[in-house]
């Protein structure tokens, strides 16, 4: 498996068992505020888990890496920036 600079993943014949997702306040991931591994064999609500960290309005960077069935973590994708704004009461 390879990850290019745009974050696109090329899966050869990799058997993926889980993935690791990180959320940071800067694109260099110097301040990681969320770091968790999720299994592909279970249902998860990643968004709920991330929001539970108490995120404030702002920009965040996210990247992820696949972990194969032999528990080898592959390289992280290129970071992508997302803006977050908490839902306003009454909306």
C-alpha atoms as a PDB file:
ATOM      1  CA  UNK A   1       0.000   0.000   0.000  1.00  0.00           C
ATOM      2  CA  UNK A   2       1.174   3.512  -0.773  1.00  0.00           C
ATOM      3  CA  UNK A   3      -0.116   6.961   0.122  1.00  0.00           C
ATOM      4  CA  UNK A   4       0.693   9.796  -2.261  1.00  0.00           C
ATOM      5  CA  UNK A   5       0.937  13.496  -1.384  1.00  0.00           C
ATOM      6  CA  UNK A   6      -2.737  14.154  -2.127  1.00  0.00           C
ATOM      7  CA  UNK A   7      -3.802  11.590   0.450  1.00  0.00           C
ATOM      8  CA  UNK A   8      -4.939   9.073  -2.149  1.00  0.00           C
ATOM      9  CA  UNK A   9      -4.294   5.515  -1.090  1.00  0.00           C
ATOM     10  CA  UNK A  10      -3.276   2.744  -3.393  1.00  0.00           C
ATOM     11  CA  UNK A  11      -4.107  -0.625  -1.874  1.00  0.00           C
ATOM     12  CA  UNK A  12      -2.278  -3.473  -3.528  1.00  0.00           C
ATOM     13  CA  UNK A  13      -3.478  -6.744  -2.091  1.00  0.00           C
ATOM     14  CA  UNK A  14      -3.388  -5.528   1.505  1.00  0.00           C
ATOM     15  CA  UNK A  15      -5.798  -7.091   3.950  1.00  0.00           C
ATOM     16  CA  UNK A  16      -6.787  -4.187   6.176  1.00  0.00           C
ATOM     17  CA  UNK A  17      -8.037  -4.932   9.667  1.00  0.00           C
ATOM     18  CA  UNK A  18      -8.162  -1.464  11.177  1.00  0.00           C
ATOM     19  CA  UNK A  19      -7.199   2.146  10.718  1.00  0.00           C
ATOM     20  CA  UNK A  20      -5.648   4.828  12.901  1.00  0.00           C
ATOM     21  CA  UNK A  21      -7.012   8.354  12.717  1.00  0.00           C
ATOM     22  CA  UNK A  22      -5.384  11.453  14.161  1.00  0.00           C
ATOM     23  CA  UNK A  23      -6.736  14.976  14.515  1.00  0.00           C
ATOM     24  CA  UNK A  24      -4.423  17.910  15.188  1.00  0.00           C
ATOM     25  CA  UNK A  25      -4.492  21.680  15.479  1.00  0.00           C
ATOM     26  CA  UNK A  26      -1.615  22.112  13.014  1.00  0.00           C
ATOM     27  CA  UNK A  27      -0.623  20.407   9.753  1.00  0.00           C
ATOM     28  CA  UNK A  28       2.633  19.109  11.241  1.00  0.00           C
ATOM     29  CA  UNK A  29       0.664  17.164  13.904  1.00  0.00           C
ATOM     30  CA  UNK A  30       2.785  18.702  16.661  1.00  0.00           C
ATOM     31  CA  UNK A  31      -0.330  18.948  18.854  1.00  0.00           C
ATOM     32  CA  UNK A  32      -2.380  15.790  18.341  1.00  0.00           C
ATOM     33  CA  UNK A  33      -5.724  16.109  20.128  1.00  0.00           C
ATOM     34  CA  UNK A  34      -7.257  12.830  18.982  1.00  0.00           C
ATOM     35  CA  UNK A  35      -5.507   9.552  18.208  1.00  0.00           C
ATOM     36  CA  UNK A  36      -7.484   6.331  17.991  1.00  0.00           C
ATOM     37  CA  UNK A  37      -7.462   2.977  16.212  1.00  0.00           C
ATOM     38  CA  UNK A  38     -10.734   1.629  14.826  1.00  0.00           C
ATOM     39  CA  UNK A  39     -11.444  -1.900  13.665  1.00  0.00           C
ATOM     40  CA  UNK A  40     -13.045  -2.416  10.266  1.00  0.00           C
ATOM     41  CA  UNK A  41     -14.953  -5.323  11.778  1.00  0.00           C
ATOM     42  CA  UNK A  42     -17.011  -3.151  14.147  1.00  0.00           C
ATOM     43  CA  UNK A  43     -19.290  -0.172  13.618  1.00  0.00           C
ATOM     44  CA  UNK A  44     -17.988   3.075  15.054  1.00  0.00           C
ATOM     45  CA  UNK A  45     -19.148   6.662  15.014  1.00  0.00           C
ATOM     46  CA  UNK A  46     -15.827   8.423  14.581  1.00  0.00           C
ATOM     47  CA  UNK A  47     -17.461  11.869  14.424  1.00  0.00           C
ATOM     48  CA  UNK A  48     -19.098  11.421  17.840  1.00  0.00           C
ATOM     49  CA  UNK A  49     -15.783  10.264  19.333  1.00  0.00           C
ATOM     50  CA  UNK A  50     -13.930  13.272  17.925  1.00  0.00           C
ATOM     51  CA  UNK A  51     -16.561  15.838  18.990  1.00  0.00           C
ATOM     52  CA  UNK A  52     -16.477  14.337  22.504  1.00  0.00           C
ATOM     53  CA  UNK A  53     -12.914  15.694  22.835  1.00  0.00           C
ATOM     54  CA  UNK A  54     -14.440  19.163  23.350  1.00  0.00           C
ATOM     55  CA  UNK A  55     -13.340  20.661  20.049  1.00  0.00           C
ATOM     56  CA  UNK A  56     -13.595  24.404  19.702  1.00  0.00           C
ATOM     57  CA  UNK A  57     -14.536  26.202  16.509  1.00  0.00           C
ATOM     58  CA  UNK A  58     -11.556  26.341  14.197  1.00  0.00           C
ATOM     59  CA  UNK A  59      -9.407  24.543  11.669  1.00  0.00           C
ATOM     60  CA  UNK A  60      -8.157  21.032  12.220  1.00  0.00           C
ATOM     61  CA  UNK A  61      -5.991  18.639  10.260  1.00  0.00           C
ATOM     62  CA  UNK A  62      -6.782  14.949   9.895  1.00  0.00           C
ATOM     63  CA  UNK A  63      -4.809  12.037   8.534  1.00  0.00           C
ATOM     64  CA  UNK A  64      -5.150   8.291   8.812  1.00  0.00           C
ATOM     65  CA  UNK A  65      -3.165   5.111   8.303  1.00  0.00           C
ATOM     66  CA  UNK A  66      -4.289   1.603   7.575  1.00  0.00           C
ATOM     67  CA  UNK A  67      -3.199  -1.280   9.790  1.00  0.00           C
ATOM     68  CA  UNK A  68      -3.035  -4.658   8.121  1.00  0.00           C
ATOM     69  CA  UNK A  69      -4.050  -7.992   9.601  1.00  0.00           C
ATOM     70  CA  UNK A  70      -0.456  -8.584  10.721  1.00  0.00           C
ATOM     71  CA  UNK A  71      -0.801  -5.364  12.786  1.00  0.00           C
ATOM     72  CA  UNK A  72       1.665  -3.402  10.660  1.00  0.00           C
ATOM     73  CA  UNK A  73       0.747   0.254  10.438  1.00  0.00           C
ATOM     74  CA  UNK A  74       1.250   1.716   6.979  1.00  0.00           C
ATOM     75  CA  UNK A  75       2.163   5.367   6.256  1.00  0.00           C
ATOM     76  CA  UNK A  76      -0.239   8.149   7.097  1.00  0.00           C
ATOM     77  CA  UNK A  77      -2.096   9.904   4.290  1.00  0.00           C
ATOM     78  CA  UNK A  78      -1.322  13.524   3.542  1.00  0.00           C
ATOM     79  CA  UNK A  79      -3.064  15.784   6.082  1.00  0.00           C
ATOM     80  CA  UNK A  80      -6.365  17.379   5.089  1.00  0.00           C
ATOM     81  CA  UNK A  81      -7.699  20.532   6.676  1.00  0.00           C
ATOM     82  CA  UNK A  82     -11.286  20.756   7.906  1.00  0.00           C
ATOM     83  CA  UNK A  83     -13.135  23.643   9.532  1.00  0.00           C
ATOM     84  CA  UNK A  84     -15.342  22.851  12.500  1.00  0.00           C
ATOM     85  CA  UNK A  85     -18.121  24.934  13.984  1.00  0.00           C
ATOM     86  CA  UNK A  86     -20.175  23.666  16.894  1.00  0.00           C
ATOM     87  CA  UNK A  87     -23.920  23.434  16.360  1.00  0.00           C
ATOM     88  CA  UNK A  88     -25.686  26.478  17.740  1.00  0.00           C
ATOM     89  CA  UNK A  89     -28.470  25.999  20.315  1.00  0.00           C
ATOM     90  CA  UNK A  90     -31.964  26.090  18.843  1.00  0.00           C
ATOM     91  CA  UNK A  91     -30.910  25.124  15.338  1.00  0.00           C
END
